[in-house]
Amino acid sequence: MKYLIIVAALCCFIGIIDLPFGYYTFLKIIVSLMALIIIFNEIRSRSFWLIAFILVFILFNPLLPVYYYLKPFWIGIDILVGLLFFYYFFTLIPKKEIKASEPIDAEYKEITPKTRDRIIKIKKHGNNTNI
């Protein structure tokens, strides 16, 4: 479903171009279906998204179409609805949670320093001599 939202947004941006009437019928069907799906997903939350996509569904409804006979009105609406779909898509992506650093359970041990100087014992004919 997430990627269909991107498709609907891209279709809205393509609708800015002067295309044949058949494309705009296709655009109304795609956008109204995606708006209807989002409405059903958001119906429990009663949030901004529910109201926004009800308005989108009313504007792009293919059964009872809304006619603005001037292309500049539809260009503005297509841009706004495309941006709305993109923004809704990015709210669906879960944000990565930064894990809190865990404390390390380490015991402190005092380390005895090692000396560089060593006592070397040399055996000479049975006698132990220290150097």
C-alpha atoms as a PDB file:
ATOM      1  CA  MET A   1       0.000   0.000   0.000  1.00  0.00           C
ATOM      2  CA  LYS A   2       2.840   2.391   0.794  1.00  0.00           C
ATOM      3  CA  TYR A   3       4.158   2.341  -2.739  1.00  0.00           C
ATOM      4  CA  LEU A   4       0.715   2.882  -4.239  1.00  0.00           C
ATOM      5  CA  ILE A   5       0.671   6.160  -2.334  1.00  0.00           C
ATOM      6  CA  ILE A   6       3.847   7.165  -4.189  1.00  0.00           C
ATOM      7  CA  VAL A   7       2.247   6.139  -7.482  1.00  0.00           C
ATOM      8  CA  ALA A   8      -0.794   8.316  -6.736  1.00  0.00           C
ATOM      9  CA  ALA A   9       1.477  11.248  -5.844  1.00  0.00           C
ATOM     10  CA  LEU A  10       3.484  10.851  -9.047  1.00  0.00           C
ATOM     11  CA  CYS A  11       0.269  10.638 -11.065  1.00  0.00           C
ATOM     12  CA  CYS A  12      -0.800  13.946  -9.531  1.00  0.00           C
ATOM     13  CA  PHE A  13       2.468  15.566 -10.566  1.00  0.00           C
ATOM     14  CA  ILE A  14       2.170  14.128 -14.080  1.00  0.00           C
ATOM     15  CA  GLY A  15      -1.340  15.624 -14.211  1.00  0.00           C
ATOM     16  CA  ILE A  16       0.245  19.074 -14.300  1.00  0.00           C
ATOM     17  CA  ILE A  17       1.210  18.458 -17.917  1.00  0.00           C
ATOM     18  CA  ASP A  18      -1.419  19.017 -20.614  1.00  0.00           C
ATOM     19  CA  LEU A  19      -2.534  15.447 -21.365  1.00  0.00           C
ATOM     20  CA  PRO A  20      -5.571  13.835 -23.022  1.00  0.00           C
ATOM     21  CA  PHE A  21      -8.837  13.700 -21.079  1.00  0.00           C
ATOM     22  CA  GLY A  22      -8.500   9.931 -20.537  1.00  0.00           C
ATOM     23  CA  TYR A  23      -5.482  10.444 -18.292  1.00  0.00           C
ATOM     24  CA  TYR A  24      -7.422  12.757 -16.003  1.00  0.00           C
ATOM     25  CA  THR A  25     -10.159  10.149 -15.648  1.00  0.00           C
ATOM     26  CA  PHE A  26      -7.461   7.620 -14.749  1.00  0.00           C
ATOM     27  CA  LEU A  27      -5.967  10.147 -12.308  1.00  0.00           C
ATOM     28  CA  LYS A  28      -9.323  10.666 -10.605  1.00  0.00           C
ATOM     29  CA  ILE A  29      -9.802   6.907 -10.200  1.00  0.00           C
ATOM     30  CA  ILE A  30      -6.292   6.306  -8.784  1.00  0.00           C
ATOM     31  CA  VAL A  31      -6.328   9.280  -6.418  1.00  0.00           C
ATOM     32  CA  SER A  32      -9.851   8.632  -5.154  1.00  0.00           C
ATOM     33  CA  LEU A  33      -9.069   4.930  -4.528  1.00  0.00           C
ATOM     34  CA  MET A  34      -5.921   5.784  -2.570  1.00  0.00           C
ATOM     35  CA  ALA A  35      -7.785   8.484  -0.643  1.00  0.00           C
ATOM     36  CA  LEU A  36     -10.522   5.973   0.178  1.00  0.00           C
ATOM     37  CA  ILE A  37      -7.965   3.417   1.409  1.00  0.00           C
ATOM     38  CA  ILE A  38      -6.287   6.042   3.596  1.00  0.00           C
ATOM     39  CA  ILE A  39      -9.691   7.124   4.934  1.00  0.00           C
ATOM     40  CA  PHE A  40     -10.433   3.548   6.007  1.00  0.00           C
ATOM     41  CA  ASN A  41      -7.004   3.282   7.644  1.00  0.00           C
ATOM     42  CA  GLU A  42      -7.372   6.571   9.492  1.00  0.00           C
ATOM     43  CA  ILE A  43     -11.052   6.316  10.484  1.00  0.00           C
ATOM     44  CA  ARG A  44     -10.229   5.236  14.043  1.00  0.00           C
ATOM     45  CA  SER A  45      -7.701   7.974  14.659  1.00  0.00           C
ATOM     46  CA  ARG A  46      -9.939  10.879  13.610  1.00  0.00           C
ATOM     47  CA  SER A  47      -6.856  12.861  12.780  1.00  0.00           C
ATOM     48  CA  PHE A  48      -5.892  15.517  10.268  1.00  0.00           C
ATOM     49  CA  TRP A  49      -5.300  12.791   7.683  1.00  0.00           C
ATOM     50  CA  LEU A  50      -8.909  11.645   7.809  1.00  0.00           C
ATOM     51  CA  ILE A  51     -10.264  15.129   7.086  1.00  0.00           C
ATOM     52  CA  ALA A  52      -7.633  15.892   4.445  1.00  0.00           C
ATOM     53  CA  PHE A  53      -8.243  12.711   2.480  1.00  0.00           C
ATOM     54  CA  ILE A  54     -12.036  13.043   2.722  1.00  0.00           C
ATOM     55  CA  LEU A  55     -11.600  16.382   0.952  1.00  0.00           C
ATOM     56  CA  VAL A  56      -9.268  14.768  -1.599  1.00  0.00           C
ATOM     57  CA  PHE A  57     -11.821  12.027  -2.195  1.00  0.00           C
ATOM     58  CA  ILE A  58     -14.572  14.598  -2.766  1.00  0.00           C
ATOM     59  CA  LEU A  59     -12.426  16.577  -5.235  1.00  0.00           C
ATOM     60  CA  PHE A  60     -11.231  13.557  -7.234  1.00  0.00           C
ATOM     61  CA  ASN A  61     -14.439  11.518  -7.049  1.00  0.00           C
ATOM     62  CA  PRO A  62     -14.990  10.006 -10.530  1.00  0.00           C
ATOM     63  CA  LEU A  63     -18.710   9.281  -9.930  1.00  0.00           C
ATOM     64  CA  LEU A  64     -19.758  12.824  -9.025  1.00  0.00           C
ATOM     65  CA  PRO A  65     -16.912  14.863 -10.517  1.00  0.00           C
ATOM     66  CA  VAL A  66     -16.051  18.386  -9.499  1.00  0.00           C
ATOM     67  CA  TYR A  67     -15.353  20.592 -12.498  1.00  0.00           C
ATOM     68  CA  TYR A  68     -12.997  23.526 -12.449  1.00  0.00           C
ATOM     69  CA  TYR A  69     -12.943  24.521 -16.071  1.00  0.00           C
ATOM     70  CA  LEU A  70      -9.612  26.314 -15.814  1.00  0.00           C
ATOM     71  CA  LYS A  71      -6.390  24.298 -15.880  1.00  0.00           C
ATOM     72  CA  PRO A  72      -4.487  26.530 -13.364  1.00  0.00           C
ATOM     73  CA  PHE A  73      -6.914  25.551 -10.590  1.00  0.00           C
ATOM     74  CA  TRP A  74      -6.281  21.863 -11.223  1.00  0.00           C
ATOM     75  CA  ILE A  75      -2.506  22.415 -11.404  1.00  0.00           C
ATOM     76  CA  GLY A  76      -2.548  23.882  -7.903  1.00  0.00           C
ATOM     77  CA  ILE A  77      -4.809  21.109  -6.602  1.00  0.00           C
ATOM     78  CA  ASP A  78      -2.645  18.406  -8.225  1.00  0.00           C
ATOM     79  CA  ILE A  79       0.511  19.828  -6.652  1.00  0.00           C
ATOM     80  CA  LEU A  80      -1.088  20.095  -3.199  1.00  0.00           C
ATOM     81  CA  VAL A  81      -2.563  16.599  -3.342  1.00  0.00           C
ATOM     82  CA  GLY A  82       0.717  15.141  -4.642  1.00  0.00           C
ATOM     83  CA  LEU A  83       2.608  16.767  -1.774  1.00  0.00           C
ATOM     84  CA  LEU A  84      -0.044  15.551   0.665  1.00  0.00           C
ATOM     85  CA  PHE A  85       0.392  11.968  -0.554  1.00  0.00           C
ATOM     86  CA  PHE A  86       4.198  12.253  -0.271  1.00  0.00           C
ATOM     87  CA  TYR A  87       3.982  13.664   3.244  1.00  0.00           C
ATOM     88  CA  TYR A  88       1.573  10.919   4.302  1.00  0.00           C
ATOM     89  CA  PHE A  89       3.951   8.318   2.831  1.00  0.00           C
ATOM     90  CA  PHE A  90       6.856   9.658   4.890  1.00  0.00           C
ATOM     91  CA  THR A  91       4.781   9.581   8.076  1.00  0.00           C
ATOM     92  CA  LEU A  92       4.214   5.849   7.514  1.00  0.00           C
ATOM     93  CA  ILE A  93       7.939   5.091   7.508  1.00  0.00           C
ATOM     94  CA  PRO A  94       8.977   4.088  11.020  1.00  0.00           C
ATOM     95  CA  LYS A  95      11.668   6.252  12.500  1.00  0.00           C
ATOM     96  CA  LYS A  96      14.828   4.532  13.572  1.00  0.00           C
ATOM     97  CA  GLU A  97      15.162   4.506  17.303  1.00  0.00           C
ATOM     98  CA  ILE A  98      18.557   5.234  18.725  1.00  0.00           C
ATOM     99  CA  LYS A  99      19.420   2.631  21.279  1.00  0.00           C
ATOM    100  CA  ALA A 100      20.550   3.947  24.609  1.00  0.00           C
ATOM    101  CA  SER A 101      24.017   2.831  25.529  1.00  0.00           C
ATOM    102  CA  GLU A 102      23.973  -0.027  27.934  1.00  0.00           C
ATOM    103  CA  PRO A 103      26.151   0.101  31.030  1.00  0.00           C
ATOM    104  CA  ILE A 104      29.060  -2.267  31.002  1.00  0.00           C
ATOM    105  CA  ASP A 105      29.335  -4.585  33.971  1.00  0.00           C
ATOM    106  CA  ALA A 106      33.046  -4.692  34.563  1.00  0.00           C
ATOM    107  CA  GLU A 107      34.854  -5.169  37.804  1.00  0.00           C
ATOM    108  CA  TYR A 108      37.741  -2.951  38.604  1.00  0.00           C
ATOM    109  CA  LYS A 109      40.909  -4.898  39.232  1.00  0.00           C
ATOM    110  CA  GLU A 110      44.085  -3.278  40.183  1.00  0.00           C
ATOM    111  CA  ILE A 111      46.832  -4.412  37.924  1.00  0.00           C
ATOM    112  CA  THR A 112      50.243  -4.758  39.461  1.00  0.00           C
ATOM    113  CA  PRO A 113      52.780  -2.925  37.400  1.00  0.00           C
ATOM    114  CA  LYS A 114      55.327  -5.050  35.639  1.00  0.00           C
ATOM    115  CA  THR A 115      58.868  -3.874  35.817  1.00  0.00           C
ATOM    116  CA  ARG A 116      61.180  -3.729  32.906  1.00  0.00           C
ATOM    117  CA  ASP A 117      64.091  -4.802  34.945  1.00  0.00           C
ATOM    118  CA  ARG A 118      64.303  -8.483  35.617  1.00  0.00           C
ATOM    119  CA  ILE A 119      66.622 -10.406  37.746  1.00  0.00           C
ATOM    120  CA  ILE A 120      68.376 -12.923  35.599  1.00  0.00           C
ATOM    121  CA  LYS A 121      69.991 -15.910  37.173  1.00  0.00           C
ATOM    122  CA  ILE A 122      72.964 -17.318  35.368  1.00  0.00           C
ATOM    123  CA  LYS A 123      74.359 -20.650  36.214  1.00  0.00           C
ATOM    124  CA  LYS A 124      78.117 -20.849  36.217  1.00  0.00           C
ATOM    125  CA  HIS A 125      79.606 -24.116  37.094  1.00  0.00           C
ATOM    126  CA  GLY A 126      77.015 -24.878  39.698  1.00  0.00           C
ATOM    127  CA  ASN A 127      77.014 -21.449  41.354  1.00  0.00           C
ATOM    128  CA  ASN A 128      73.987 -19.226  41.092  1.00  0.00           C
ATOM    129  CA  THR A 129      74.942 -15.663  40.553  1.00  0.00           C
ATOM    130  CA  ASN A 130      72.519 -12.825  40.317  1.00  0.00           C
ATOM    131  CA  ILE A 131      73.134 -10.068  37.889  1.00  0.00           C
END
